[in-house]
Amino acid sequence: MDLSRSGKDTGDIAIPVREVKSSKSGKGAPPVVTTTTRLGQTPPAAGWKRGVGIIDLILRVCAIAATLAAAAVMGTTDQNLPFFTQFFQFQASYDDFPTFTFFLAGNAITCAYLVLSLPFSIVCIVRPHVIGARMLLLIFDTLALALTMSAASAAAAIVYLAHNGNPNTNWPALCQQFNEFCPRVSGAVVGSFLGVLILTVLVVLSAAALRRN
């Protein structure tokens, strides 16, 4: 068998297999098998996981922006309404509502976690077959998703009451007077739910990547 061709021309390495001589009859001789291995070729599974890792990193940056914006808007929401004179005013601030305080803390914690998770996401891109980092992200992403969902849902209930009130309990709609406070807290809740959506996608991606291992 001629192996004089160099692998430099094709980029392949040919691994020769010794040809087994048959008996005198020539019957039942096994075929000659030549195995060729390409250098630098990425396995399909590794390429797919690396693509998932890149998407994961981009989504984490988007989730950081969403939760940071939600926490910042809620933390800076404040409005005063003058009543007769400037010395007697009605004030609405996020810290007047424990639910909004919990909302601010929940989104801030999630944002901090997502920043700390960026190096692990990069590891999943560089070494796509590492299971430990992906499993760690899946667990903490699920916890962050639960925290952000609970904070956003609780704040959404208060925002609904502020916009519509509750006639059965004689709760007035505060947004009829506080026309600056309510749009800001509503925007913060929308940003938090956007973070929830991105975290849900991150959990699904991590689960899919682990399933392919």
C-alpha atoms as a PDB file:
ATOM      1  CA  MET A   1       0.000   0.000   0.000  1.00  0.00           C
ATOM      2  CA  ASP A   2       1.450   3.352  -1.122  1.00  0.00           C
ATOM      3  CA  LEU A   3       1.683   5.987   1.641  1.00  0.00           C
ATOM      4  CA  SER A   4       4.139   8.264  -0.145  1.00  0.00           C
ATOM      5  CA  ARG A   5       1.754  11.226  -0.296  1.00  0.00           C
ATOM      6  CA  SER A   6       2.427  13.733   2.449  1.00  0.00           C
ATOM      7  CA  GLY A   7      -0.389  14.899   4.759  1.00  0.00           C
ATOM      8  CA  LYS A   8       0.684  18.482   4.165  1.00  0.00           C
ATOM      9  CA  ASP A   9      -1.120  18.579   0.809  1.00  0.00           C
ATOM     10  CA  THR A  10      -4.550  17.597   2.152  1.00  0.00           C
ATOM     11  CA  GLY A  11      -4.378  18.612   5.846  1.00  0.00           C
ATOM     12  CA  ASP A  12      -5.187  14.981   6.833  1.00  0.00           C
ATOM     13  CA  ILE A  13      -3.163  12.392   8.712  1.00  0.00           C
ATOM     14  CA  ALA A  14      -3.464   8.935   7.269  1.00  0.00           C
ATOM     15  CA  ILE A  15      -3.179   6.135   9.810  1.00  0.00           C
ATOM     16  CA  PRO A  16      -2.127   2.989   7.985  1.00  0.00           C
ATOM     17  CA  VAL A  17      -3.525  -0.399   8.889  1.00  0.00           C
ATOM     18  CA  ARG A  18      -1.512  -3.490   8.092  1.00  0.00           C
ATOM     19  CA  GLU A  19      -3.004  -5.566   5.344  1.00  0.00           C
ATOM     20  CA  VAL A  20      -3.673  -9.107   6.414  1.00  0.00           C
ATOM     21  CA  LYS A  21      -2.634 -11.667   3.814  1.00  0.00           C
ATOM     22  CA  SER A  22      -5.191 -14.240   3.063  1.00  0.00           C
ATOM     23  CA  SER A  23      -4.562 -17.928   2.855  1.00  0.00           C
ATOM     24  CA  LYS A  24      -3.656 -19.677  -0.360  1.00  0.00           C
ATOM     25  CA  SER A  25      -7.268 -19.885  -1.381  1.00  0.00           C
ATOM     26  CA  GLY A  26      -7.668 -16.102  -1.022  1.00  0.00           C
ATOM     27  CA  LYS A  27     -11.114 -16.507   0.461  1.00  0.00           C
ATOM     28  CA  GLY A  28     -12.301 -14.619   3.532  1.00  0.00           C
ATOM     29  CA  ALA A  29      -9.535 -12.015   3.441  1.00  0.00           C
ATOM     30  CA  PRO A  30     -10.491  -8.910   5.450  1.00  0.00           C
ATOM     31  CA  PRO A  31     -10.587  -5.612   3.565  1.00  0.00           C
ATOM     32  CA  VAL A  32      -7.856  -3.056   4.048  1.00  0.00           C
ATOM     33  CA  VAL A  33      -9.067  -0.105   6.154  1.00  0.00           C
ATOM     34  CA  THR A  34      -7.408   3.309   6.139  1.00  0.00           C
ATOM     35  CA  THR A  35      -8.491   5.778   8.817  1.00  0.00           C
ATOM     36  CA  THR A  36      -8.083   9.505   8.227  1.00  0.00           C
ATOM     37  CA  THR A  37      -8.261  12.063  11.038  1.00  0.00           C
ATOM     38  CA  ARG A  38      -8.510  15.789  10.377  1.00  0.00           C
ATOM     39  CA  LEU A  39      -6.547  18.094  12.619  1.00  0.00           C
ATOM     40  CA  GLY A  40      -8.271  21.249  13.957  1.00  0.00           C
ATOM     41  CA  GLN A  41     -11.768  20.034  13.133  1.00  0.00           C
ATOM     42  CA  THR A  42     -14.306  20.853  15.891  1.00  0.00           C
ATOM     43  CA  PRO A  43     -16.776  18.075  16.725  1.00  0.00           C
ATOM     44  CA  PRO A  44     -20.397  19.043  15.958  1.00  0.00           C
ATOM     45  CA  ALA A  45     -21.467  18.714  19.605  1.00  0.00           C
ATOM     46  CA  ALA A  46     -18.689  21.033  20.808  1.00  0.00           C
ATOM     47  CA  GLY A  47     -19.548  23.617  18.155  1.00  0.00           C
ATOM     48  CA  TRP A  48     -23.213  23.559  19.151  1.00  0.00           C
ATOM     49  CA  LYS A  49     -22.373  24.003  22.839  1.00  0.00           C
ATOM     50  CA  ARG A  50     -19.976  26.836  22.063  1.00  0.00           C
ATOM     51  CA  GLY A  51     -22.776  28.593  20.168  1.00  0.00           C
ATOM     52  CA  VAL A  52     -25.101  28.108  23.141  1.00  0.00           C
ATOM     53  CA  GLY A  53     -22.414  29.585  25.384  1.00  0.00           C
ATOM     54  CA  ILE A  54     -22.110  32.700  23.218  1.00  0.00           C
ATOM     55  CA  ILE A  55     -25.886  33.208  23.271  1.00  0.00           C
ATOM     56  CA  ASP A  56     -25.834  32.633  27.036  1.00  0.00           C
ATOM     57  CA  LEU A  57     -23.229  35.381  27.518  1.00  0.00           C
ATOM     58  CA  ILE A  58     -25.179  37.883  25.388  1.00  0.00           C
ATOM     59  CA  LEU A  59     -28.424  37.167  27.241  1.00  0.00           C
ATOM     60  CA  ARG A  60     -26.699  37.624  30.596  1.00  0.00           C
ATOM     61  CA  VAL A  61     -25.539  41.082  29.599  1.00  0.00           C
ATOM     62  CA  CYS A  62     -29.108  41.926  28.521  1.00  0.00           C
ATOM     63  CA  ALA A  63     -30.491  40.591  31.817  1.00  0.00           C
ATOM     64  CA  ILE A  64     -27.974  42.703  33.748  1.00  0.00           C
ATOM     65  CA  ALA A  65     -29.166  45.803  31.900  1.00  0.00           C
ATOM     66  CA  ALA A  66     -32.859  44.969  32.524  1.00  0.00           C
ATOM     67  CA  THR A  67     -32.558  44.247  36.255  1.00  0.00           C
ATOM     68  CA  LEU A  68     -30.176  47.156  36.846  1.00  0.00           C
ATOM     69  CA  ALA A  69     -32.550  49.563  35.104  1.00  0.00           C
ATOM     70  CA  ALA A  70     -35.520  48.213  37.079  1.00  0.00           C
ATOM     71  CA  ALA A  71     -33.715  48.631  40.405  1.00  0.00           C
ATOM     72  CA  ALA A  72     -32.372  52.088  39.514  1.00  0.00           C
ATOM     73  CA  VAL A  73     -35.745  53.432  38.354  1.00  0.00           C
ATOM     74  CA  MET A  74     -37.545  52.084  41.410  1.00  0.00           C
ATOM     75  CA  GLY A  75     -34.878  53.427  43.776  1.00  0.00           C
ATOM     76  CA  THR A  76     -35.124  56.945  42.363  1.00  0.00           C
ATOM     77  CA  THR A  77     -38.914  57.182  42.249  1.00  0.00           C
ATOM     78  CA  ASP A  78     -40.313  59.934  44.418  1.00  0.00           C
ATOM     79  CA  GLN A  79     -43.058  62.566  43.989  1.00  0.00           C
ATOM     80  CA  ASN A  80     -44.461  65.336  46.168  1.00  0.00           C
ATOM     81  CA  LEU A  81     -47.912  66.851  45.752  1.00  0.00           C
ATOM     82  CA  PRO A  82     -48.544  70.309  47.261  1.00  0.00           C
ATOM     83  CA  PHE A  83     -51.714  70.659  49.282  1.00  0.00           C
ATOM     84  CA  PHE A  84     -52.855  74.270  49.876  1.00  0.00           C
ATOM     85  CA  THR A  85     -49.307  75.391  50.667  1.00  0.00           C
ATOM     86  CA  GLN A  86     -45.840  74.112  49.983  1.00  0.00           C
ATOM     87  CA  PHE A  87     -45.383  73.372  53.690  1.00  0.00           C
ATOM     88  CA  PHE A  88     -48.105  70.736  53.676  1.00  0.00           C
ATOM     89  CA  GLN A  89     -47.568  68.106  50.980  1.00  0.00           C
ATOM     90  CA  PHE A  90     -48.474  64.580  50.053  1.00  0.00           C
ATOM     91  CA  GLN A  91     -45.443  62.421  49.291  1.00  0.00           C
ATOM     92  CA  ALA A  92     -45.136  59.095  47.509  1.00  0.00           C
ATOM     93  CA  SER A  93     -41.842  57.219  47.570  1.00  0.00           C
ATOM     94  CA  TYR A  94     -40.899  53.632  46.830  1.00  0.00           C
ATOM     95  CA  ASP A  95     -39.806  53.031  50.436  1.00  0.00           C
ATOM     96  CA  ASP A  96     -43.315  53.848  51.624  1.00  0.00           C
ATOM     97  CA  PHE A  97     -44.300  50.438  50.233  1.00  0.00           C
ATOM     98  CA  PRO A  98     -42.500  47.356  51.627  1.00  0.00           C
ATOM     99  CA  THR A  99     -43.310  45.536  48.393  1.00  0.00           C
ATOM    100  CA  PHE A 100     -41.378  48.091  46.344  1.00  0.00           C
ATOM    101  CA  THR A 101     -38.450  47.824  48.777  1.00  0.00           C
ATOM    102  CA  PHE A 102     -38.449  44.062  48.266  1.00  0.00           C
ATOM    103  CA  PHE A 103     -38.635  44.670  44.512  1.00  0.00           C
ATOM    104  CA  LEU A 104     -35.558  46.885  44.634  1.00  0.00           C
ATOM    105  CA  ALA A 105     -33.584  44.395  46.742  1.00  0.00           C
ATOM    106  CA  GLY A 106     -34.579  41.414  44.594  1.00  0.00           C
ATOM    107  CA  ASN A 107     -33.565  43.020  41.317  1.00  0.00           C
ATOM    108  CA  ALA A 108     -30.319  44.349  42.807  1.00  0.00           C
ATOM    109  CA  ILE A 109     -29.383  40.869  44.074  1.00  0.00           C
ATOM    110  CA  THR A 110     -30.189  39.311  40.698  1.00  0.00           C
ATOM    111  CA  CYS A 111     -28.153  41.950  38.888  1.00  0.00           C
ATOM    112  CA  ALA A 112     -25.150  41.368  41.167  1.00  0.00           C
ATOM    113  CA  TYR A 113     -25.394  37.604  40.646  1.00  0.00           C
ATOM    114  CA  LEU A 114     -25.538  37.974  36.860  1.00  0.00           C
ATOM    115  CA  VAL A 115     -22.374  40.094  36.909  1.00  0.00           C
ATOM    116  CA  LEU A 116     -20.582  37.432  38.980  1.00  0.00           C
ATOM    117  CA  SER A 117     -21.812  34.688  36.621  1.00  0.00           C
ATOM    118  CA  LEU A 118     -20.144  36.209  33.535  1.00  0.00           C
ATOM    119  CA  PRO A 119     -16.762  34.439  34.087  1.00  0.00           C
ATOM    120  CA  PHE A 120     -18.533  31.070  34.352  1.00  0.00           C
ATOM    121  CA  SER A 121     -20.385  31.799  31.129  1.00  0.00           C
ATOM    122  CA  ILE A 122     -17.066  32.559  29.418  1.00  0.00           C
ATOM    123  CA  VAL A 123     -15.653  29.252  30.714  1.00  0.00           C
ATOM    124  CA  CYS A 124     -18.586  27.465  29.051  1.00  0.00           C
ATOM    125  CA  ILE A 125     -17.572  29.096  25.741  1.00  0.00           C
ATOM    126  CA  VAL A 126     -13.855  28.296  25.999  1.00  0.00           C
ATOM    127  CA  ARG A 127     -14.419  24.770  27.324  1.00  0.00           C
ATOM    128  CA  PRO A 128     -17.869  23.707  26.126  1.00  0.00           C
ATOM    129  CA  HIS A 129     -17.586  20.170  27.545  1.00  0.00           C
ATOM    130  CA  VAL A 130     -17.211  21.352  31.155  1.00  0.00           C
ATOM    131  CA  ILE A 131     -20.309  20.166  33.012  1.00  0.00           C
ATOM    132  CA  GLY A 132     -19.627  21.655  36.453  1.00  0.00           C
ATOM    133  CA  ALA A 133     -19.789  25.314  35.387  1.00  0.00           C
ATOM    134  CA  ARG A 134     -22.942  24.753  33.347  1.00  0.00           C
ATOM    135  CA  MET A 135     -24.632  22.895  36.207  1.00  0.00           C
ATOM    136  CA  LEU A 136     -23.693  25.680  38.630  1.00  0.00           C
ATOM    137  CA  LEU A 137     -25.198  28.297  36.301  1.00  0.00           C
ATOM    138  CA  LEU A 138     -28.377  26.266  35.923  1.00  0.00           C
ATOM    139  CA  ILE A 139     -28.904  26.032  39.688  1.00  0.00           C
ATOM    140  CA  PHE A 140     -28.255  29.691  40.456  1.00  0.00           C
ATOM    141  CA  ASP A 141     -30.132  30.910  37.375  1.00  0.00           C
ATOM    142  CA  THR A 142     -33.186  29.048  38.654  1.00  0.00           C
ATOM    143  CA  LEU A 143     -32.851  30.665  42.085  1.00  0.00           C
ATOM    144  CA  ALA A 144     -32.414  34.117  40.523  1.00  0.00           C
ATOM    145  CA  LEU A 145     -35.446  33.497  38.327  1.00  0.00           C
ATOM    146  CA  ALA A 146     -37.587  32.616  41.366  1.00  0.00           C
ATOM    147  CA  LEU A 147     -36.421  35.702  43.280  1.00  0.00           C
ATOM    148  CA  THR A 148     -36.977  38.108  40.389  1.00  0.00           C
ATOM    149  CA  MET A 149     -40.355  36.606  39.508  1.00  0.00           C
ATOM    150  CA  SER A 150     -41.626  36.928  43.076  1.00  0.00           C
ATOM    151  CA  ALA A 151     -40.406  40.530  43.376  1.00  0.00           C
ATOM    152  CA  ALA A 152     -41.874  41.560  40.013  1.00  0.00           C
ATOM    153  CA  SER A 153     -45.206  39.833  40.663  1.00  0.00           C
ATOM    154  CA  ALA A 154     -45.634  41.425  44.094  1.00  0.00           C
ATOM    155  CA  ALA A 155     -44.791  44.877  42.728  1.00  0.00           C
ATOM    156  CA  ALA A 156     -47.167  44.367  39.795  1.00  0.00           C
ATOM    157  CA  ALA A 157     -50.046  43.756  42.222  1.00  0.00           C
ATOM    158  CA  ILE A 158     -49.355  47.053  44.023  1.00  0.00           C
ATOM    159  CA  VAL A 159     -49.052  48.911  40.711  1.00  0.00           C
ATOM    160  CA  TYR A 160     -52.409  47.499  39.630  1.00  0.00           C
ATOM    161  CA  LEU A 161     -54.038  48.777  42.829  1.00  0.00           C
ATOM    162  CA  ALA A 162     -52.368  52.150  42.391  1.00  0.00           C
ATOM    163  CA  HIS A 163     -53.769  52.480  38.878  1.00  0.00           C
ATOM    164  CA  ASN A 164     -57.255  51.057  39.441  1.00  0.00           C
ATOM    165  CA  GLY A 165     -57.885  51.079  43.184  1.00  0.00           C
ATOM    166  CA  ASN A 166     -60.338  48.732  44.853  1.00  0.00           C
ATOM    167  CA  PRO A 167     -63.891  50.061  45.309  1.00  0.00           C
ATOM    168  CA  ASN A 168     -64.877  47.127  47.537  1.00  0.00           C
ATOM    169  CA  THR A 169     -62.358  48.170  50.185  1.00  0.00           C
ATOM    170  CA  ASN A 170     -62.561  51.930  49.480  1.00  0.00           C
ATOM    171  CA  TRP A 171     -58.985  52.068  48.211  1.00  0.00           C
ATOM    172  CA  PRO A 172     -58.630  55.010  45.832  1.00  0.00           C
ATOM    173  CA  ALA A 173     -56.564  54.968  42.663  1.00  0.00           C
ATOM    174  CA  LEU A 174     -53.409  56.842  43.655  1.00  0.00           C
ATOM    175  CA  CYS A 175     -52.237  57.297  40.088  1.00  0.00           C
ATOM    176  CA  GLN A 176     -54.944  59.862  39.432  1.00  0.00           C
ATOM    177  CA  GLN A 177     -52.968  62.261  41.634  1.00  0.00           C
ATOM    178  CA  PHE A 178     -49.402  60.926  41.396  1.00  0.00           C
ATOM    179  CA  ASN A 179     -49.037  61.089  37.642  1.00  0.00           C
ATOM    180  CA  GLU A 180     -45.232  60.866  37.729  1.00  0.00           C
ATOM    181  CA  PHE A 181     -44.780  58.242  40.413  1.00  0.00           C
ATOM    182  CA  CYS A 182     -46.967  55.577  38.816  1.00  0.00           C
ATOM    183  CA  PRO A 183     -45.434  55.583  35.301  1.00  0.00           C
ATOM    184  CA  ARG A 184     -41.962  55.179  36.774  1.00  0.00           C
ATOM    185  CA  VAL A 185     -42.834  52.242  38.995  1.00  0.00           C
ATOM    186  CA  SER A 186     -44.779  50.672  36.111  1.00  0.00           C
ATOM    187  CA  GLY A 187     -41.716  50.967  33.885  1.00  0.00           C
ATOM    188  CA  ALA A 188     -39.559  49.385  36.587  1.00  0.00           C
ATOM    189  CA  VAL A 189     -41.938  46.426  36.816  1.00  0.00           C
ATOM    190  CA  VAL A 190     -41.867  45.974  33.033  1.00  0.00           C
ATOM    191  CA  GLY A 191     -38.049  45.961  33.077  1.00  0.00           C
ATOM    192  CA  SER A 192     -38.042  43.364  35.834  1.00  0.00           C
ATOM    193  CA  PHE A 193     -40.404  41.090  33.902  1.00  0.00           C
ATOM    194  CA  LEU A 194     -38.087  41.436  30.914  1.00  0.00           C
ATOM    195  CA  GLY A 195     -35.301  40.159  33.156  1.00  0.00           C
ATOM    196  CA  VAL A 196     -37.546  37.265  34.178  1.00  0.00           C
ATOM    197  CA  LEU A 197     -38.074  36.350  30.525  1.00  0.00           C
ATOM    198  CA  ILE A 198     -34.337  36.391  29.813  1.00  0.00           C
ATOM    199  CA  LEU A 199     -33.598  34.284  32.898  1.00  0.00           C
ATOM    200  CA  THR A 200     -36.171  31.745  31.746  1.00  0.00           C
ATOM    201  CA  VAL A 201     -34.398  31.452  28.394  1.00  0.00           C
ATOM    202  CA  LEU A 202     -31.063  31.060  30.195  1.00  0.00           C
ATOM    203  CA  VAL A 203     -32.416  28.182  32.284  1.00  0.00           C
ATOM    204  CA  VAL A 204     -33.760  26.450  29.173  1.00  0.00           C
ATOM    205  CA  LEU A 205     -30.443  26.890  27.335  1.00  0.00           C
ATOM    206  CA  SER A 206     -28.450  25.477  30.245  1.00  0.00           C
ATOM    207  CA  ALA A 207     -30.776  22.489  30.518  1.00  0.00           C
ATOM    208  CA  ALA A 208     -30.511  21.848  26.770  1.00  0.00           C
ATOM    209  CA  ALA A 209     -26.695  22.061  26.879  1.00  0.00           C
ATOM    210  CA  LEU A 210     -26.535  19.582  29.771  1.00  0.00           C
ATOM    211  CA  ARG A 211     -28.906  17.232  27.967  1.00  0.00           C
ATOM    212  CA  ARG A 212     -26.514  17.005  25.021  1.00  0.00           C
ATOM    213  CA  ASN A 213     -23.621  15.838  27.223  1.00  0.00           C
END
